[in-house]
Full PDB file with SEQRES, HELIX, SHEET, SSBOND, CRYST1, ORIGX, SCALE, CONECT and MASTER records, all heavy atoms in Angstrom:
SEQRES   1 A   42  GLY ARG ILE MET HIS GLU MET ARG ARG GLY PRO ALA GLY          
SEQRES   2 A   42  ASP GLN VAL LEU GLY GLY THR VAL TYR TYR GLY SER ALA          
SEQRES   3 A   42  ASP ALA THR PRO LEU PHE LEU MET LEU LEU ALA GLU CYS          
SEQRES   4 A   42  ARG ARG TRP                                                  
HELIX    1 AA1 GLY A   13  LEU A   17  1                                   5    
HELIX    2 AA2 ALA A   28  ARG A   41  1                                  14    
SHEET    1 AA1 2 GLU A   6  MET A   7  0                                        
SHEET    2 AA1 2 VAL A  21  TYR A  22 -1                                        
CRYST1    1.000    1.000    1.000  90.00  90.00  90.00 P 1           1          
ORIGX1      1.000000  0.000000  0.000000        0.00000                         
ORIGX2      0.000000  1.000000  0.000000        0.00000                         
ORIGX3      0.000000  0.000000  1.000000        0.00000                         
SCALE1      1.000000  0.000000  0.000000        0.00000                         
SCALE2      0.000000  1.000000  0.000000        0.00000                         
SCALE3      0.000000  0.000000  1.000000        0.00000                         
ATOM      1  N   GLY A   1     293.580 118.850  43.944  1.00  0.00           N  
ATOM      2  CA  GLY A   1     294.357 117.693  43.517  1.00  0.00           C  
ATOM      3  C   GLY A   1     295.820 117.952  43.277  1.00  0.00           C  
ATOM      4  O   GLY A   1     296.606 117.014  43.126  1.00  0.00           O  
ATOM      5  N   ARG A   2     296.220 119.213  43.245  1.00  0.00           N  
ATOM      6  CA  ARG A   2     297.610 119.533  42.925  1.00  0.00           C  
ATOM      7  C   ARG A   2     298.512 119.268  44.129  1.00  0.00           C  
ATOM      8  O   ARG A   2     298.177 119.588  45.264  1.00  0.00           O  
ATOM      9  CB  ARG A   2     297.720 120.999  42.504  1.00  0.00           C  
ATOM     10  CG  ARG A   2     299.048 121.362  41.838  1.00  0.00           C  
ATOM     11  CD  ARG A   2     299.042 122.791  41.318  1.00  0.00           C  
ATOM     12  NE  ARG A   2     300.083 122.994  40.320  1.00  0.00           N  
ATOM     13  CZ  ARG A   2     300.309 124.123  39.674  1.00  0.00           C  
ATOM     14  NH1 ARG A   2     299.536 125.190  39.929  1.00  0.00           N  
ATOM     15  NH2 ARG A   2     301.271 124.222  38.780  1.00  0.00           N  
ATOM     16  N   ILE A   3     299.680 118.691  43.861  1.00  0.00           N  
ATOM     17  CA  ILE A   3     300.669 118.446  44.902  1.00  0.00           C  
ATOM     18  C   ILE A   3     301.546 119.690  45.049  1.00  0.00           C  
ATOM     19  O   ILE A   3     301.996 120.273  44.062  1.00  0.00           O  
ATOM     20  CB  ILE A   3     301.528 117.214  44.572  1.00  0.00           C  
ATOM     21  CG1 ILE A   3     300.642 115.957  44.498  1.00  0.00           C  
ATOM     22  CG2 ILE A   3     302.627 117.023  45.602  1.00  0.00           C  
ATOM     23  CD1 ILE A   3     299.913 115.608  45.779  1.00  0.00           C  
ATOM     24  N   MET A   4     301.782 120.068  46.279  1.00  0.00           N  
ATOM     25  CA  MET A   4     302.486 121.315  46.558  1.00  0.00           C  
ATOM     26  C   MET A   4     303.920 121.293  46.050  1.00  0.00           C  
ATOM     27  O   MET A   4     304.527 120.240  45.840  1.00  0.00           O  
ATOM     28  CB  MET A   4     302.457 121.607  48.058  1.00  0.00           C  
ATOM     29  CG  MET A   4     303.026 120.506  48.942  1.00  0.00           C  
ATOM     30  SD  MET A   4     304.824 120.482  49.133  1.00  0.00           S  
ATOM     31  CE  MET A   4     305.015 121.782  50.309  1.00  0.00           C  
ATOM     32  N   HIS A   5     304.453 122.521  45.888  1.00  0.00           N  
ATOM     33  CA  HIS A   5     305.839 122.688  45.475  1.00  0.00           C  
ATOM     34  C   HIS A   5     306.755 122.947  46.661  1.00  0.00           C  
ATOM     35  O   HIS A   5     307.827 122.356  46.774  1.00  0.00           O  
ATOM     36  CB  HIS A   5     305.953 123.845  44.480  1.00  0.00           C  
ATOM     37  CG  HIS A   5     307.372 124.260  44.210  1.00  0.00           C  
ATOM     38  ND1 HIS A   5     308.284 123.420  43.621  1.00  0.00           N  
ATOM     39  CD2 HIS A   5     308.044 125.420  44.467  1.00  0.00           C  
ATOM     40  CE1 HIS A   5     309.455 124.040  43.506  1.00  0.00           C  
ATOM     41  NE2 HIS A   5     309.348 125.246  44.024  1.00  0.00           N  
ATOM     42  N   GLU A   6     306.328 123.809  47.579  1.00  0.00           N  
ATOM     43  CA  GLU A   6     307.231 124.269  48.625  1.00  0.00           C  
ATOM     44  C   GLU A   6     306.448 124.715  49.853  1.00  0.00           C  
ATOM     45  O   GLU A   6     305.391 125.324  49.728  1.00  0.00           O  
ATOM     46  CB  GLU A   6     308.059 125.441  48.087  1.00  0.00           C  
ATOM     47  CG  GLU A   6     309.004 126.081  49.063  1.00  0.00           C  
ATOM     48  CD  GLU A   6     309.805 127.214  48.423  1.00  0.00           C  
ATOM     49  OE1 GLU A   6     309.624 127.485  47.215  1.00  0.00           O  
ATOM     50  OE2 GLU A   6     310.599 127.834  49.146  1.00  0.00           O  
ATOM     51  N   MET A   7     307.000 124.427  51.025  1.00  0.00           N  
ATOM     52  CA  MET A   7     306.395 124.862  52.284  1.00  0.00           C  
ATOM     53  C   MET A   7     307.431 125.650  53.071  1.00  0.00           C  
ATOM     54  O   MET A   7     308.603 125.280  53.114  1.00  0.00           O  
ATOM     55  CB  MET A   7     305.927 123.656  53.099  1.00  0.00           C  
ATOM     56  CG  MET A   7     305.325 123.998  54.461  1.00  0.00           C  
ATOM     57  SD  MET A   7     304.663 122.539  55.302  1.00  0.00           S  
ATOM     58  CE  MET A   7     306.170 121.589  55.598  1.00  0.00           C  
ATOM     59  N   ARG A   8     307.003 126.769  53.673  1.00  0.00           N  
ATOM     60  CA  ARG A   8     307.907 127.588  54.468  1.00  0.00           C  
ATOM     61  C   ARG A   8     307.248 127.971  55.785  1.00  0.00           C  
ATOM     62  O   ARG A   8     306.034 128.160  55.846  1.00  0.00           O  
ATOM     63  CB  ARG A   8     308.300 128.863  53.705  1.00  0.00           C  
ATOM     64  CG  ARG A   8     309.184 128.618  52.489  1.00  0.00           C  
ATOM     65  CD  ARG A   8     310.551 128.103  52.877  1.00  0.00           C  
ATOM     66  NE  ARG A   8     311.441 127.984  51.716  1.00  0.00           N  
ATOM     67  CZ  ARG A   8     312.689 127.553  51.791  1.00  0.00           C  
ATOM     68  NH1 ARG A   8     313.187 127.183  52.952  1.00  0.00           N  
ATOM     69  NH2 ARG A   8     313.444 127.477  50.713  1.00  0.00           N  
ATOM     70  N   ARG A   9     308.088 128.133  56.830  1.00  0.00           N  
ATOM     71  CA  ARG A   9     307.569 128.486  58.149  1.00  0.00           C  
ATOM     72  C   ARG A   9     308.244 129.720  58.731  1.00  0.00           C  
ATOM     73  O   ARG A   9     308.104 130.020  59.904  1.00  0.00           O  
ATOM     74  CB  ARG A   9     307.753 127.300  59.103  1.00  0.00           C  
ATOM     75  CG  ARG A   9     306.926 126.090  58.728  1.00  0.00           C  
ATOM     76  CD  ARG A   9     307.206 124.922  59.631  1.00  0.00           C  
ATOM     77  NE  ARG A   9     308.561 124.404  59.441  1.00  0.00           N  
ATOM     78  CZ  ARG A   9     309.032 123.311  60.044  1.00  0.00           C  
ATOM     79  NH1 ARG A   9     308.256 122.645  60.874  1.00  0.00           N  
ATOM     80  NH2 ARG A   9     310.260 122.900  59.832  1.00  0.00           N  
ATOM     81  N   GLY A  10     309.008 130.449  57.912  1.00  0.00           N  
ATOM     82  CA  GLY A  10     309.718 131.618  58.395  1.00  0.00           C  
ATOM     83  C   GLY A  10     308.809 132.812  58.589  1.00  0.00           C  
ATOM     84  O   GLY A  10     307.634 132.805  58.190  1.00  0.00           O  
ATOM     85  N   PRO A  11     309.339 133.911  59.170  1.00  0.00           N  
ATOM     86  CA  PRO A  11     308.507 135.082  59.460  1.00  0.00           C  
ATOM     87  C   PRO A  11     307.972 135.774  58.226  1.00  0.00           C  
ATOM     88  O   PRO A  11     306.977 136.498  58.311  1.00  0.00           O  
ATOM     89  CB  PRO A  11     309.459 136.001  60.250  1.00  0.00           C  
ATOM     90  CG  PRO A  11     310.832 135.499  59.959  1.00  0.00           C  
ATOM     91  CD  PRO A  11     310.701 134.034  59.705  1.00  0.00           C  
ATOM     92  N   ALA A  12     308.607 135.578  57.043  1.00  0.00           N  
ATOM     93  CA  ALA A  12     308.137 136.246  55.830  1.00  0.00           C  
ATOM     94  C   ALA A  12     307.579 135.267  54.811  1.00  0.00           C  
ATOM     95  O   ALA A  12     307.444 135.598  53.636  1.00  0.00           O  
ATOM     96  CB  ALA A  12     309.270 137.065  55.199  1.00  0.00           C  
ATOM     97  N   GLY A  13     307.239 134.045  55.243  1.00  0.00           N  
ATOM     98  CA  GLY A  13     306.738 133.049  54.309  1.00  0.00           C  
ATOM     99  C   GLY A  13     305.498 133.498  53.559  1.00  0.00           C  
ATOM    100  O   GLY A  13     305.362 133.292  52.358  1.00  0.00           O  
ATOM    101  N   ASP A  14     304.568 134.140  54.266  1.00  0.00           N  
ATOM    102  CA  ASP A  14     303.346 134.599  53.607  1.00  0.00           C  
ATOM    103  C   ASP A  14     303.630 135.668  52.566  1.00  0.00           C  
ATOM    104  O   ASP A  14     303.000 135.716  51.512  1.00  0.00           O  
ATOM    105  CB  ASP A  14     302.360 135.145  54.643  1.00  0.00           C  
ATOM    106  CG  ASP A  14     301.720 134.040  55.465  1.00  0.00           C  
ATOM    107  OD1 ASP A  14     301.963 132.864  55.140  1.00  0.00           O  
ATOM    108  OD2 ASP A  14     300.988 134.355  56.411  1.00  0.00           O  
ATOM    109  N   GLN A  15     304.594 136.543  52.853  1.00  0.00           N  
ATOM    110  CA  GLN A  15     304.894 137.611  51.919  1.00  0.00           C  
ATOM    111  C   GLN A  15     305.550 137.075  50.645  1.00  0.00           C  
ATOM    112  O   GLN A  15     305.374 137.634  49.566  1.00  0.00           O  
ATOM    113  CB  GLN A  15     305.817 138.649  52.564  1.00  0.00           C  
ATOM    114  CG  GLN A  15     305.124 139.556  53.578  1.00  0.00           C  
ATOM    115  CD  GLN A  15     304.878 138.858  54.905  1.00  0.00           C  
ATOM    116  OE1 GLN A  15     305.500 137.843  55.195  1.00  0.00           O  
ATOM    117  NE2 GLN A  15     303.960 139.382  55.693  1.00  0.00           N  
ATOM    118  N   VAL A  16     306.312 135.989  50.770  1.00  0.00           N  
ATOM    119  CA  VAL A  16     307.021 135.445  49.617  1.00  0.00           C  
ATOM    120  C   VAL A  16     306.144 134.502  48.815  1.00  0.00           C  
ATOM    121  O   VAL A  16     306.068 134.581  47.589  1.00  0.00           O  
ATOM    122  CB  VAL A  16     308.310 134.726  50.072  1.00  0.00           C  
ATOM    123  CG1 VAL A  16     309.009 134.083  48.885  1.00  0.00           C  
ATOM    124  CG2 VAL A  16     309.238 135.718  50.754  1.00  0.00           C  
ATOM    125  N   LEU A  17     305.468 133.592  49.492  1.00  0.00           N  
ATOM    126  CA  LEU A  17     304.714 132.540  48.814  1.00  0.00           C  
ATOM    127  C   LEU A  17     303.224 132.838  48.701  1.00  0.00           C  
ATOM    128  O   LEU A  17     302.511 132.133  47.992  1.00  0.00           O  
ATOM    129  CB  LEU A  17     304.892 131.203  49.549  1.00  0.00           C  
ATOM    130  CG  LEU A  17     306.331 130.699  49.745  1.00  0.00           C  
ATOM    131  CD1 LEU A  17     306.324 129.404  50.529  1.00  0.00           C  
ATOM    132  CD2 LEU A  17     307.007 130.503  48.408  1.00  0.00           C  
ATOM    133  N   GLY A  18     302.743 133.848  49.398  1.00  0.00           N  
ATOM    134  CA  GLY A  18     301.300 134.083  49.445  1.00  0.00           C  
ATOM    135  C   GLY A  18     300.622 133.241  50.501  1.00  0.00           C  
ATOM    136  O   GLY A  18     299.421 133.333  50.714  1.00  0.00           O  
ATOM    137  N   GLY A  19     301.374 132.412  51.164  1.00  0.00           N  
ATOM    138  CA  GLY A  19     300.881 131.513  52.204  1.00  0.00           C  
ATOM    139  C   GLY A  19     302.037 130.636  52.634  1.00  0.00           C  
ATOM    140  O   GLY A  19     303.141 130.729  52.092  1.00  0.00           O  
ATOM    141  N   THR A  20     301.812 129.770  53.591  1.00  0.00           N  
ATOM    142  CA  THR A  20     302.907 128.911  54.027  1.00  0.00           C  
ATOM    143  C   THR A  20     303.197 127.799  53.016  1.00  0.00           C  
ATOM    144  O   THR A  20     304.264 127.187  53.069  1.00  0.00           O  
ATOM    145  CB  THR A  20     302.584 128.274  55.386  1.00  0.00           C  
ATOM    146  OG1 THR A  20     301.350 127.550  55.277  1.00  0.00           O  
ATOM    147  CG2 THR A  20     302.462 129.334  56.465  1.00  0.00           C  
ATOM    148  N   VAL A  21     302.263 127.534  52.100  1.00  0.00           N  
ATOM    149  CA  VAL A  21     302.441 126.484  51.096  1.00  0.00           C  
ATOM    150  C   VAL A  21     302.212 127.080  49.716  1.00  0.00           C  
ATOM    151  O   VAL A  21     301.221 127.782  49.481  1.00  0.00           O  
ATOM    152  CB  VAL A  21     301.467 125.309  51.326  1.00  0.00           C  
ATOM    153  CG1 VAL A  21     301.688 124.219  50.292  1.00  0.00           C  
ATOM    154  CG2 VAL A  21     301.632 124.751  52.732  1.00  0.00           C  
ATOM    155  N   TYR A  22     303.137 126.790  48.793  1.00  0.00           N  
ATOM    156  CA  TYR A  22     303.043 127.264  47.408  1.00  0.00           C  
ATOM    157  C   TYR A  22     302.969 126.041  46.497  1.00  0.00           C  
ATOM    158  O   TYR A  22     303.673 125.045  46.721  1.00  0.00           O  
ATOM    159  CB  TYR A  22     304.259 128.128  47.074  1.00  0.00           C  
ATOM    160  CG  TYR A  22     304.330 128.547  45.621  1.00  0.00           C  
ATOM    161  CD1 TYR A  22     303.431 129.473  45.103  1.00  0.00           C  
ATOM    162  CD2 TYR A  22     305.297 128.022  44.771  1.00  0.00           C  
ATOM    163  CE1 TYR A  22     303.493 129.853  43.769  1.00  0.00           C  
ATOM    164  CE2 TYR A  22     305.375 128.403  43.446  1.00  0.00           C  
ATOM    165  CZ  TYR A  22     304.467 129.322  42.951  1.00  0.00           C  
ATOM    166  OH  TYR A  22     304.521 129.701  41.638  1.00  0.00           O  
ATOM    167  N   TYR A  23     302.144 126.113  45.451  1.00  0.00           N  
ATOM    168  CA  TYR A  23     301.814 124.930  44.648  1.00  0.00           C  
ATOM    169  C   TYR A  23     302.334 124.982  43.216  1.00  0.00           C  
ATOM    170  O   TYR A  23     301.999 124.109  42.413  1.00  0.00           O  
ATOM    171  CB  TYR A  23     300.289 124.744  44.615  1.00  0.00           C  
ATOM    172  CG  TYR A  23     299.707 124.295  45.926  1.00  0.00           C  
ATOM    173  CD1 TYR A  23     299.429 125.210  46.938  1.00  0.00           C  
ATOM    174  CD2 TYR A  23     299.463 122.950  46.183  1.00  0.00           C  
ATOM    175  CE1 TYR A  23     298.906 124.806  48.158  1.00  0.00           C  
ATOM    176  CE2 TYR A  23     298.945 122.529  47.403  1.00  0.00           C  
ATOM    177  CZ  TYR A  23     298.674 123.465  48.384  1.00  0.00           C  
ATOM    178  OH  TYR A  23     298.168 123.048  49.586  1.00  0.00           O  
ATOM    179  N   GLY A  24     303.178 125.964  42.863  1.00  0.00           N  
ATOM    180  CA  GLY A  24     303.577 126.140  41.473  1.00  0.00           C  
ATOM    181  C   GLY A  24     304.555 125.110  40.964  1.00  0.00           C  
ATOM    182  O   GLY A  24     305.737 125.385  40.762  1.00  0.00           O  
ATOM    183  N   SER A  25     304.068 123.901  40.720  1.00  0.00           N  
ATOM    184  CA  SER A  25     304.883 122.807  40.189  1.00  0.00           C  
ATOM    185  C   SER A  25     304.044 122.010  39.204  1.00  0.00           C  
ATOM    186  O   SER A  25     302.913 121.631  39.512  1.00  0.00           O  
ATOM    187  CB  SER A  25     305.367 121.897  41.321  1.00  0.00           C  
ATOM    188  OG  SER A  25     305.818 120.658  40.818  1.00  0.00           O  
ATOM    189  N   ALA A  26     304.616 121.743  38.026  1.00  0.00           N  
ATOM    190  CA  ALA A  26     303.911 120.931  37.031  1.00  0.00           C  
ATOM    191  C   ALA A  26     304.213 119.451  37.169  1.00  0.00           C  
ATOM    192  O   ALA A  26     303.494 118.617  36.612  1.00  0.00           O  
ATOM    193  CB  ALA A  26     304.284 121.395  35.620  1.00  0.00           C  
ATOM    194  N   ASP A  27     305.271 119.107  37.898  1.00  0.00           N  
ATOM    195  CA  ASP A  27     305.726 117.722  37.892  1.00  0.00           C  
ATOM    196  C   ASP A  27     305.511 116.966  39.200  1.00  0.00           C  
ATOM    197  O   ASP A  27     305.517 115.743  39.220  1.00  0.00           O  
ATOM    198  CB  ASP A  27     307.206 117.643  37.505  1.00  0.00           C  
ATOM    199  CG  ASP A  27     308.072 118.644  38.254  1.00  0.00           C  
ATOM    200  OD1 ASP A  27     307.585 119.241  39.225  1.00  0.00           O  
ATOM    201  OD2 ASP A  27     309.235 118.836  37.854  1.00  0.00           O  
ATOM    202  N   ALA A  28     305.306 117.685  40.307  1.00  0.00           N  
ATOM    203  CA  ALA A  28     305.151 116.986  41.584  1.00  0.00           C  
ATOM    204  C   ALA A  28     303.923 116.082  41.583  1.00  0.00           C  
ATOM    205  O   ALA A  28     303.952 114.994  42.185  1.00  0.00           O  
ATOM    206  CB  ALA A  28     305.062 118.002  42.724  1.00  0.00           C  
ATOM    207  N   THR A  29     302.857 116.502  40.907  1.00  0.00           N  
ATOM    208  CA  THR A  29     301.610 115.727  40.946  1.00  0.00           C  
ATOM    209  C   THR A  29     301.761 114.364  40.272  1.00  0.00           C  
ATOM    210  O   THR A  29     301.412 113.335  40.868  1.00  0.00           O  
ATOM    211  CB  THR A  29     300.463 116.542  40.335  1.00  0.00           C  
ATOM    212  OG1 THR A  29     300.394 117.805  41.021  1.00  0.00           O  
ATOM    213  CG2 THR A  29     299.137 115.830  40.482  1.00  0.00           C  
ATOM    214  N   PRO A  30     302.290 114.258  39.043  1.00  0.00           N  
ATOM    215  CA  PRO A  30     302.496 112.902  38.494  1.00  0.00           C  
ATOM    216  C   PRO A  30     303.560 112.110  39.248  1.00  0.00           C  
ATOM    217  O   PRO A  30     303.449 110.881  39.355  1.00  0.00           O  
ATOM    218  CB  PRO A  30     302.918 113.167  37.043  1.00  0.00           C  
ATOM    219  CG  PRO A  30     303.370 114.584  37.000  1.00  0.00           C  
ATOM    220  CD  PRO A  30     302.555 115.298  38.023  1.00  0.00           C  
ATOM    221  N   LEU A  31     304.586 112.782  39.772  1.00  0.00           N  
ATOM    222  CA  LEU A  31     305.592 112.059  40.547  1.00  0.00           C  
ATOM    223  C   LEU A  31     304.984 111.413  41.788  1.00  0.00           C  
ATOM    224  O   LEU A  31     305.427 110.338  42.215  1.00  0.00           O  
ATOM    225  CB  LEU A  31     306.725 113.004  40.944  1.00  0.00           C  
ATOM    226  CG  LEU A  31     307.689 113.420  39.829  1.00  0.00           C  
ATOM    227  CD1 LEU A  31     308.567 114.581  40.286  1.00  0.00           C  
ATOM    228  CD2 LEU A  31     308.545 112.248  39.369  1.00  0.00           C  
ATOM    229  N   PHE A  32     303.982 112.045  42.375  1.00  0.00           N  
ATOM    230  CA  PHE A  32     303.276 111.476  43.522  1.00  0.00           C  
ATOM    231  C   PHE A  32     302.691 110.110  43.156  1.00  0.00           C  
ATOM    232  O   PHE A  32     302.847 109.126  43.898  1.00  0.00           O  
ATOM    233  CB  PHE A  32     302.175 112.440  43.966  1.00  0.00           C  
ATOM    234  CG  PHE A  32     301.349 111.963  45.132  1.00  0.00           C  
ATOM    235  CD1 PHE A  32     301.694 112.303  46.428  1.00  0.00           C  
ATOM    236  CD2 PHE A  32     300.218 111.171  44.938  1.00  0.00           C  
ATOM    237  CE1 PHE A  32     300.935 111.868  47.515  1.00  0.00           C  
ATOM    238  CE2 PHE A  32     299.448 110.738  46.003  1.00  0.00           C  
ATOM    239  CZ  PHE A  32     299.816 111.082  47.297  1.00  0.00           C  
ATOM    240  N   LEU A  33     302.025 110.030  42.024  1.00  0.00           N  
ATOM    241  CA  LEU A  33     301.430 108.767  41.587  1.00  0.00           C  
ATOM    242  C   LEU A  33     302.497 107.715  41.300  1.00  0.00           C  
ATOM    243  O   LEU A  33     302.350 106.541  41.657  1.00  0.00           O  
ATOM    244  CB  LEU A  33     300.585 109.010  40.341  1.00  0.00           C  
ATOM    245  CG  LEU A  33     299.199 109.601  40.601  1.00  0.00           C  
ATOM    246  CD1 LEU A  33     298.773 110.497  39.464  1.00  0.00           C  
ATOM    247  CD2 LEU A  33     298.188 108.478  40.793  1.00  0.00           C  
ATOM    248  N   MET A  34     303.558 108.136  40.637  1.00  0.00           N  
ATOM    249  CA  MET A  34     304.641 107.202  40.336  1.00  0.00           C  
ATOM    250  C   MET A  34     305.199 106.575  41.615  1.00  0.00           C  
ATOM    251  O   MET A  34     305.396 105.362  41.696  1.00  0.00           O  
ATOM    252  CB  MET A  34     305.759 107.927  39.589  1.00  0.00           C  
ATOM    253  CG  MET A  34     305.445 108.323  38.165  1.00  0.00           C  
ATOM    254  SD  MET A  34     306.762 109.387  37.466  1.00  0.00           S  
ATOM    255  CE  MET A  34     308.197 108.321  37.594  1.00  0.00           C  
ATOM    256  N   LEU A  35     305.450 107.416  42.613  1.00  0.00           N  
ATOM    257  CA  LEU A  35     306.067 106.916  43.842  1.00  0.00           C  
ATOM    258  C   LEU A  35     305.120 106.013  44.621  1.00  0.00           C  
ATOM    259  O   LEU A  35     305.556 105.034  45.240  1.00  0.00           O  
ATOM    260  CB  LEU A  35     306.521 108.090  44.707  1.00  0.00           C  
ATOM    261  CG  LEU A  35     307.252 107.719  46.000  1.00  0.00           C  
ATOM    262  CD1 LEU A  35     308.518 106.920  45.719  1.00  0.00           C  
ATOM    263  CD2 LEU A  35     307.581 108.960  46.818  1.00  0.00           C  
ATOM    264  N   LEU A  36     303.837 106.308  44.587  1.00  0.00           N  
ATOM    265  CA  LEU A  36     302.887 105.482  45.331  1.00  0.00           C  
ATOM    266  C   LEU A  36     302.904 104.042  44.838  1.00  0.00           C  
ATOM    267  O   LEU A  36     302.964 103.093  45.629  1.00  0.00           O  
ATOM    268  CB  LEU A  36     301.479 106.073  45.222  1.00  0.00           C  
ATOM    269  CG  LEU A  36     300.384 105.305  45.971  1.00  0.00           C  
ATOM    270  CD1 LEU A  36     300.682 105.241  47.459  1.00  0.00           C  
ATOM    271  CD2 LEU A  36     299.017 105.963  45.726  1.00  0.00           C  
ATOM    272  N   ALA A  37     302.865 103.850  43.525  1.00  0.00           N  
ATOM    273  CA  ALA A  37     302.910 102.489  42.986  1.00  0.00           C  
ATOM    274  C   ALA A  37     304.254 101.833  43.268  1.00  0.00           C  
ATOM    275  O   ALA A  37     304.328 100.630  43.570  1.00  0.00           O  
ATOM    276  CB  ALA A  37     302.634 102.518  41.488  1.00  0.00           C  
ATOM    277  N   GLU A  38     305.328 102.615  43.185  1.00  0.00           N  
ATOM    278  CA  GLU A  38     306.656 102.060  43.448  1.00  0.00           C  
ATOM    279  C   GLU A  38     306.785 101.606  44.897  1.00  0.00           C  
ATOM    280  O   GLU A  38     307.409 100.580  45.187  1.00  0.00           O  
ATOM    281  CB  GLU A  38     307.720 103.104  43.104  1.00  0.00           C  
ATOM    282  CG  GLU A  38     309.139 102.584  43.140  1.00  0.00           C  
ATOM    283  CD  GLU A  38     309.510 101.687  41.968  1.00  0.00           C  
ATOM    284  OE1 GLU A  38     308.634 101.402  41.123  1.00  0.00           O  
ATOM    285  OE2 GLU A  38     310.675 101.256  41.904  1.00  0.00           O  
ATOM    286  N   CYS A  39     306.184 102.358  45.807  1.00  0.00           N  
ATOM    287  CA  CYS A  39     306.231 101.963  47.227  1.00  0.00           C  
ATOM    288  C   CYS A  39     305.562 100.610  47.435  1.00  0.00           C  
ATOM    289  O   CYS A  39     306.041  99.790  48.237  1.00  0.00           O  
ATOM    290  CB  CYS A  39     305.551 103.022  48.084  1.00  0.00           C  
ATOM    291  SG  CYS A  39     306.562 104.488  48.396  1.00  0.00           S  
ATOM    292  N   ARG A  40     304.468 100.386  46.754  1.00  0.00           N  
ATOM    293  CA  ARG A  40     303.790  99.089  46.896  1.00  0.00           C  
ATOM    294  C   ARG A  40     304.698  97.971  46.381  1.00  0.00           C  
ATOM    295  O   ARG A  40     304.776  96.903  46.997  1.00  0.00           O  
ATOM    296  CB  ARG A  40     302.459  99.087  46.160  1.00  0.00           C  
ATOM    297  CG  ARG A  40     301.661  97.794  46.357  1.00  0.00           C  
ATOM    298  CD  ARG A  40     300.268  97.857  45.755  1.00  0.00           C  
ATOM    299  NE  ARG A  40     299.550  96.618  46.038  1.00  0.00           N  
ATOM    300  CZ  ARG A  40     299.606  95.527  45.262  1.00  0.00           C  
ATOM    301  NH1 ARG A  40     300.324  95.543  44.140  1.00  0.00           N  
ATOM    302  NH2 ARG A  40     298.935  94.435  45.598  1.00  0.00           N  
ATOM    303  N   ARG A  41     305.388  98.196  45.271  1.00  0.00           N  
ATOM    304  CA  ARG A  41     306.298  97.176  44.755  1.00  0.00           C  
ATOM    305  C   ARG A  41     307.400  96.867  45.763  1.00  0.00           C  
ATOM    306  O   ARG A  41     307.875  95.739  45.850  1.00  0.00           O  
ATOM    307  CB  ARG A  41     306.934  97.643  43.442  1.00  0.00           C  
ATOM    308  CG  ARG A  41     305.966  97.769  42.283  1.00  0.00           C  
ATOM    309  CD  ARG A  41     306.677  98.239  41.013  1.00  0.00           C  
ATOM    310  NE  ARG A  41     305.757  99.010  40.187  1.00  0.00           N  
ATOM    311  CZ  ARG A  41     305.911 100.263  39.832  1.00  0.00           C  
ATOM    312  NH1 ARG A  41     306.980 100.930  40.230  1.00  0.00           N  
ATOM    313  NH2 ARG A  41     305.010 100.874  39.079  1.00  0.00           N  
ATOM    314  N   TRP A  42     307.821  97.886  46.521  1.00  0.00           N  
ATOM    315  CA  TRP A  42     308.897  97.701  47.485  1.00  0.00           C  
ATOM    316  C   TRP A  42     308.393  97.242  48.847  1.00  0.00           C  
ATOM    317  O   TRP A  42     309.175  97.118  49.787  1.00  0.00           O  
ATOM    318  CB  TRP A  42     309.692  99.003  47.639  1.00  0.00           C  
ATOM    319  CG  TRP A  42     310.678  99.201  46.536  1.00  0.00           C  
ATOM    320  CD1 TRP A  42     310.419  99.618  45.259  1.00  0.00           C  
ATOM    321  CD2 TRP A  42     312.087  98.980  46.603  1.00  0.00           C  
ATOM    322  NE1 TRP A  42     311.580  99.672  44.525  1.00  0.00           N  
ATOM    323  CE2 TRP A  42     312.622  99.291  45.329  1.00  0.00           C  
ATOM    324  CE3 TRP A  42     312.958  98.570  47.607  1.00  0.00           C  
ATOM    325  CZ2 TRP A  42     313.985  99.186  45.035  1.00  0.00           C  
ATOM    326  CZ3 TRP A  42     314.322  98.472  47.316  1.00  0.00           C  
ATOM    327  CH2 TRP A  42     314.822  98.775  46.048  1.00  0.00           C  
TER     328      TRP A  42                                                      
MASTER        0    0    0    2    2    0    0    6  327    1    0    4          
END                                                                             
């Protein structure tokens, strides 16, 4: 359920992030919900 923090595609992405996608964010997940409802209003 967690929304990702950062995605990388460079040659050393796995060495830096542990994978191409890193999830260490506390705020992206609630912001996802906020934006979804706002999109419907718009």
